[in-house]
Amino acid sequence: MAKLEISLDQIDLQILRIMQDNARTNNADIARELGMAPSAILERVKKLEQKEVILQYNARINPAAIDQKMLSFIFIKTQDIIGVQKVGLLLAEIPEVLEVHDIAGEDGYLIKVRTNDSAGLVDLMRNTLSKIDGIISTRTTIVLETVKEDNKLVIPFKD
């Protein structure tokens, strides 16, 4: 993601905190909480979207409800040279891959994967990952239990 130079004031940060807790909070409720007019909140939210501070709105789905109970992290060693993300871009196209991180160290990428079970993970590795040119090796860590999984960012307070 590109480095952004975006100036946010205290009201923007408060809006982000509220929306991050519940993106379905309507402008009138945000306005009431912040003591502002709903139209002013709407305008600020539109600007936050235009500045790409707010990237998208999502529903958080229980993975078990859709039979995606197995969570794994896979370290991938590649032939990619630094700055080239050929393999990373191919990994990003795989539906089971939730996150792709170009990392420092011996491995080139760390991916987060959800599958229905170990057979689904084996299938993904044998029939999808193994077909990507440039992957030298993989190391897989299977999650036994998740203590915390959250995508909320710590939004700073400004004076």
C-alpha atoms as a PDB file:
ATOM      1  CA  MET A   1       0.000   0.000   0.000  1.00  0.00           C
ATOM      2  CA  ALA A   2       1.347   3.424  -0.916  1.00  0.00           C
ATOM      3  CA  LYS A   3       2.438   5.828   1.796  1.00  0.00           C
ATOM      4  CA  LEU A   4      -0.285   8.404   2.221  1.00  0.00           C
ATOM      5  CA  GLU A   5       0.131  11.875   3.641  1.00  0.00           C
ATOM      6  CA  ILE A   6      -3.346  12.554   4.954  1.00  0.00           C
ATOM      7  CA  SER A   7      -4.272  15.128   7.526  1.00  0.00           C
ATOM      8  CA  LEU A   8      -7.019  13.984   9.895  1.00  0.00           C
ATOM      9  CA  ASP A   9      -8.476  16.111  12.659  1.00  0.00           C
ATOM     10  CA  GLN A  10     -10.031  14.952  15.933  1.00  0.00           C
ATOM     11  CA  ILE A  11     -13.536  14.754  14.427  1.00  0.00           C
ATOM     12  CA  ASP A  12     -12.284  12.571  11.544  1.00  0.00           C
ATOM     13  CA  LEU A  13     -10.632  10.261  14.071  1.00  0.00           C
ATOM     14  CA  GLN A  14     -13.822  10.076  16.152  1.00  0.00           C
ATOM     15  CA  ILE A  15     -15.847   9.217  13.034  1.00  0.00           C
ATOM     16  CA  LEU A  16     -13.334   6.483  12.166  1.00  0.00           C
ATOM     17  CA  ARG A  17     -13.529   5.014  15.683  1.00  0.00           C
ATOM     18  CA  ILE A  18     -17.327   4.879  15.551  1.00  0.00           C
ATOM     19  CA  MET A  19     -17.431   3.426  12.033  1.00  0.00           C
ATOM     20  CA  GLN A  20     -14.724   0.889  12.785  1.00  0.00           C
ATOM     21  CA  ASP A  21     -16.779  -0.412  15.707  1.00  0.00           C
ATOM     22  CA  ASN A  22     -19.889  -0.614  13.535  1.00  0.00           C
ATOM     23  CA  ALA A  23     -19.797   0.450   9.878  1.00  0.00           C
ATOM     24  CA  ARG A  24     -23.597   0.351   9.795  1.00  0.00           C
ATOM     25  CA  THR A  25     -23.855   3.271  12.213  1.00  0.00           C
ATOM     26  CA  ASN A  26     -25.832   5.875  10.314  1.00  0.00           C
ATOM     27  CA  ASN A  27     -24.848   9.511   9.883  1.00  0.00           C
ATOM     28  CA  ALA A  28     -27.609  10.740  12.190  1.00  0.00           C
ATOM     29  CA  ASP A  29     -26.346   8.568  15.063  1.00  0.00           C
ATOM     30  CA  ILE A  30     -22.744   9.660  14.490  1.00  0.00           C
ATOM     31  CA  ALA A  31     -23.857  13.288  14.311  1.00  0.00           C
ATOM     32  CA  ARG A  32     -25.808  12.951  17.554  1.00  0.00           C
ATOM     33  CA  GLU A  33     -22.815  11.372  19.324  1.00  0.00           C
ATOM     34  CA  LEU A  34     -20.458  14.100  18.094  1.00  0.00           C
ATOM     35  CA  GLY A  35     -22.909  16.991  18.421  1.00  0.00           C
ATOM     36  CA  MET A  36     -22.873  17.812  14.716  1.00  0.00           C
ATOM     37  CA  ALA A  37     -25.315  17.991  11.816  1.00  0.00           C
ATOM     38  CA  PRO A  38     -25.867  14.745   9.852  1.00  0.00           C
ATOM     39  CA  SER A  39     -25.030  16.570   6.611  1.00  0.00           C
ATOM     40  CA  ALA A  40     -21.619  17.554   8.021  1.00  0.00           C
ATOM     41  CA  ILE A  41     -20.938  13.928   8.958  1.00  0.00           C
ATOM     42  CA  LEU A  42     -21.987  12.756   5.495  1.00  0.00           C
ATOM     43  CA  GLU A  43     -19.600  15.249   3.894  1.00  0.00           C
ATOM     44  CA  ARG A  44     -16.727  14.145   6.139  1.00  0.00           C
ATOM     45  CA  VAL A  45     -17.355  10.455   5.451  1.00  0.00           C
ATOM     46  CA  LYS A  46     -17.385  11.139   1.689  1.00  0.00           C
ATOM     47  CA  LYS A  47     -14.043  12.968   2.016  1.00  0.00           C
ATOM     48  CA  LEU A  48     -12.582  10.082   4.055  1.00  0.00           C
ATOM     49  CA  GLU A  49     -13.643   7.718   1.265  1.00  0.00           C
ATOM     50  CA  GLN A  50     -12.201   9.988  -1.452  1.00  0.00           C
ATOM     51  CA  LYS A  51      -8.889  10.282   0.433  1.00  0.00           C
ATOM     52  CA  GLU A  52      -8.858   6.450   0.690  1.00  0.00           C
ATOM     53  CA  VAL A  53      -8.829   6.560   4.473  1.00  0.00           C
ATOM     54  CA  ILE A  54     -11.988   4.438   4.450  1.00  0.00           C
ATOM     55  CA  LEU A  55     -11.232   1.717   1.914  1.00  0.00           C
ATOM     56  CA  GLN A  56     -14.379  -0.421   2.062  1.00  0.00           C
ATOM     57  CA  TYR A  57     -17.243  -1.668   4.182  1.00  0.00           C
ATOM     58  CA  ASN A  58     -17.419  -5.360   5.107  1.00  0.00           C
ATOM     59  CA  ALA A  59     -19.514  -7.828   7.028  1.00  0.00           C
ATOM     60  CA  ARG A  60     -17.460  -9.988   9.388  1.00  0.00           C
ATOM     61  CA  ILE A  61     -18.613 -13.583   8.889  1.00  0.00           C
ATOM     62  CA  ASN A  62     -18.093 -16.464  11.300  1.00  0.00           C
ATOM     63  CA  PRO A  63     -15.789 -18.854   9.359  1.00  0.00           C
ATOM     64  CA  ALA A  64     -17.379 -21.918  10.989  1.00  0.00           C
ATOM     65  CA  ALA A  65     -20.788 -20.880   9.619  1.00  0.00           C
ATOM     66  CA  ILE A  66     -19.505 -21.383   6.075  1.00  0.00           C
ATOM     67  CA  ASP A  67     -17.326 -24.410   6.835  1.00  0.00           C
ATOM     68  CA  GLN A  68     -14.031 -22.501   6.753  1.00  0.00           C
ATOM     69  CA  LYS A  69     -12.832 -23.775  10.130  1.00  0.00           C
ATOM     70  CA  MET A  70      -9.143 -24.349   9.339  1.00  0.00           C
ATOM     71  CA  LEU A  71      -6.883 -21.327   9.608  1.00  0.00           C
ATOM     72  CA  SER A  72      -3.291 -21.645   8.437  1.00  0.00           C
ATOM     73  CA  PHE A  73      -0.312 -19.393   7.856  1.00  0.00           C
ATOM     74  CA  ILE A  74       2.095 -20.389   5.112  1.00  0.00           C
ATOM     75  CA  PHE A  75       5.599 -19.010   4.739  1.00  0.00           C
ATOM     76  CA  ILE A  76       6.621 -19.140   1.083  1.00  0.00           C
ATOM     77  CA  LYS A  77      10.173 -18.996  -0.206  1.00  0.00           C
ATOM     78  CA  THR A  78      10.316 -17.748  -3.792  1.00  0.00           C
ATOM     79  CA  GLN A  79      12.696 -16.945  -6.604  1.00  0.00           C
ATOM     80  CA  ASP A  80      11.323 -13.389  -6.762  1.00  0.00           C
ATOM     81  CA  ILE A  81      14.003 -10.761  -6.435  1.00  0.00           C
ATOM     82  CA  ILE A  82      13.458  -7.911  -3.989  1.00  0.00           C
ATOM     83  CA  GLY A  83      10.869  -5.491  -5.303  1.00  0.00           C
ATOM     84  CA  VAL A  84       9.344  -7.961  -7.770  1.00  0.00           C
ATOM     85  CA  GLN A  85       6.002  -9.340  -6.615  1.00  0.00           C
ATOM     86  CA  LYS A  86       5.165 -11.765  -9.408  1.00  0.00           C
ATOM     87  CA  VAL A  87       4.466 -14.652  -7.028  1.00  0.00           C
ATOM     88  CA  GLY A  88       2.712 -12.364  -4.538  1.00  0.00           C
ATOM     89  CA  LEU A  89       0.274 -11.153  -7.171  1.00  0.00           C
ATOM     90  CA  LEU A  90      -0.518 -14.740  -8.177  1.00  0.00           C
ATOM     91  CA  LEU A  91      -1.054 -15.695  -4.517  1.00  0.00           C
ATOM     92  CA  ALA A  92      -3.448 -12.759  -4.120  1.00  0.00           C
ATOM     93  CA  GLU A  93      -5.712 -14.222  -6.836  1.00  0.00           C
ATOM     94  CA  ILE A  94      -6.375 -17.444  -4.868  1.00  0.00           C
ATOM     95  CA  PRO A  95      -9.793 -17.243  -3.138  1.00  0.00           C
ATOM     96  CA  GLU A  96      -8.702 -19.167  -0.010  1.00  0.00           C
ATOM     97  CA  VAL A  97      -5.812 -16.749   0.532  1.00  0.00           C
ATOM     98  CA  LEU A  98      -7.064 -13.982   2.811  1.00  0.00           C
ATOM     99  CA  GLU A  99      -3.822 -12.023   3.169  1.00  0.00           C
ATOM    100  CA  VAL A 100      -0.513 -11.851   1.290  1.00  0.00           C
ATOM    101  CA  HIS A 101       2.455 -10.184   2.970  1.00  0.00           C
ATOM    102  CA  ASP A 102       5.827  -9.551   1.294  1.00  0.00           C
ATOM    103  CA  ILE A 103       8.125 -10.083   4.283  1.00  0.00           C
ATOM    104  CA  ALA A 104      11.746  -9.547   5.266  1.00  0.00           C
ATOM    105  CA  GLY A 105      13.848 -12.569   6.073  1.00  0.00           C
ATOM    106  CA  GLU A 106      14.475 -15.956   4.546  1.00  0.00           C
ATOM    107  CA  ASP A 107      10.941 -16.349   3.204  1.00  0.00           C
ATOM    108  CA  GLY A 108       9.495 -14.040   0.584  1.00  0.00           C
ATOM    109  CA  TYR A 109       5.830 -14.145   1.560  1.00  0.00           C
ATOM    110  CA  LEU A 110       3.552 -14.964   4.450  1.00  0.00           C
ATOM    111  CA  ILE A 111      -0.019 -15.837   3.523  1.00  0.00           C
ATOM    112  CA  LYS A 112      -3.103 -16.349   5.666  1.00  0.00           C
ATOM    113  CA  VAL A 113      -5.359 -19.116   4.385  1.00  0.00           C
ATOM    114  CA  ARG A 114      -8.791 -20.462   5.348  1.00  0.00           C
ATOM    115  CA  THR A 115      -9.981 -23.890   4.241  1.00  0.00           C
ATOM    116  CA  ASN A 116     -12.687 -26.253   5.382  1.00  0.00           C
ATOM    117  CA  ASP A 117     -10.278 -28.841   6.840  1.00  0.00           C
ATOM    118  CA  SER A 118      -6.822 -30.401   6.444  1.00  0.00           C
ATOM    119  CA  ALA A 119      -7.873 -32.115   3.204  1.00  0.00           C
ATOM    120  CA  GLY A 120      -8.815 -28.699   1.795  1.00  0.00           C
ATOM    121  CA  LEU A 121      -5.424 -27.335   2.831  1.00  0.00           C
ATOM    122  CA  VAL A 122      -3.617 -30.269   1.202  1.00  0.00           C
ATOM    123  CA  ASP A 123      -5.663 -29.753  -1.964  1.00  0.00           C
ATOM    124  CA  LEU A 124      -4.804 -26.049  -2.009  1.00  0.00           C
ATOM    125  CA  MET A 125      -1.110 -26.778  -1.615  1.00  0.00           C
ATOM    126  CA  ARG A 126      -0.962 -29.652  -4.117  1.00  0.00           C
ATOM    127  CA  ASN A 127      -3.245 -28.289  -6.800  1.00  0.00           C
ATOM    128  CA  THR A 128      -2.822 -24.529  -6.556  1.00  0.00           C
ATOM    129  CA  LEU A 129       0.362 -23.437  -4.790  1.00  0.00           C
ATOM    130  CA  SER A 130       2.482 -26.144  -6.423  1.00  0.00           C
ATOM    131  CA  LYS A 131       1.497 -24.842  -9.860  1.00  0.00           C
ATOM    132  CA  ILE A 132       2.870 -21.325  -9.248  1.00  0.00           C
ATOM    133  CA  ASP A 133       6.257 -20.879 -10.934  1.00  0.00           C
ATOM    134  CA  GLY A 134       8.792 -19.308  -8.648  1.00  0.00           C
ATOM    135  CA  ILE A 135       7.774 -20.976  -5.378  1.00  0.00           C
ATOM    136  CA  ILE A 136      10.789 -22.822  -3.999  1.00  0.00           C
ATOM    137  CA  SER A 137       9.361 -24.096  -0.705  1.00  0.00           C
ATOM    138  CA  THR A 138       6.620 -23.605   1.878  1.00  0.00           C
ATOM    139  CA  ARG A 139       6.337 -23.930   5.663  1.00  0.00           C
ATOM    140  CA  THR A 140       2.835 -24.221   7.038  1.00  0.00           C
ATOM    141  CA  THR A 141       1.577 -23.407  10.526  1.00  0.00           C
ATOM    142  CA  ILE A 142      -1.898 -24.662  11.369  1.00  0.00           C
ATOM    143  CA  VAL A 143      -3.827 -22.684  13.982  1.00  0.00           C
ATOM    144  CA  LEU A 144      -5.241 -24.890  16.735  1.00  0.00           C
ATOM    145  CA  GLU A 145      -7.290 -22.182  18.428  1.00  0.00           C
ATOM    146  CA  THR A 146      -7.683 -18.461  17.847  1.00  0.00           C
ATOM    147  CA  VAL A 147      -7.496 -16.313  20.962  1.00  0.00           C
ATOM    148  CA  LYS A 148      -7.984 -13.027  19.115  1.00  0.00           C
ATOM    149  CA  GLU A 149      -8.602 -12.171  15.481  1.00  0.00           C
ATOM    150  CA  ASP A 150      -9.412  -8.568  14.732  1.00  0.00           C
ATOM    151  CA  ASN A 151      -8.741  -6.104  11.938  1.00  0.00           C
ATOM    152  CA  LYS A 152      -9.437  -2.990  13.962  1.00  0.00           C
ATOM    153  CA  LEU A 153      -6.659  -0.415  13.961  1.00  0.00           C
ATOM    154  CA  VAL A 154      -5.681   1.608  16.984  1.00  0.00           C
ATOM    155  CA  ILE A 155      -6.922   5.079  16.074  1.00  0.00           C
ATOM    156  CA  PRO A 156      -4.919   7.755  17.900  1.00  0.00           C
ATOM    157  CA  PHE A 157      -6.401  10.577  19.917  1.00  0.00           C
ATOM    158  CA  LYS A 158      -5.267  14.092  19.018  1.00  0.00           C
ATOM    159  CA  ASP A 159      -5.152  16.988  21.424  1.00  0.00           C
END
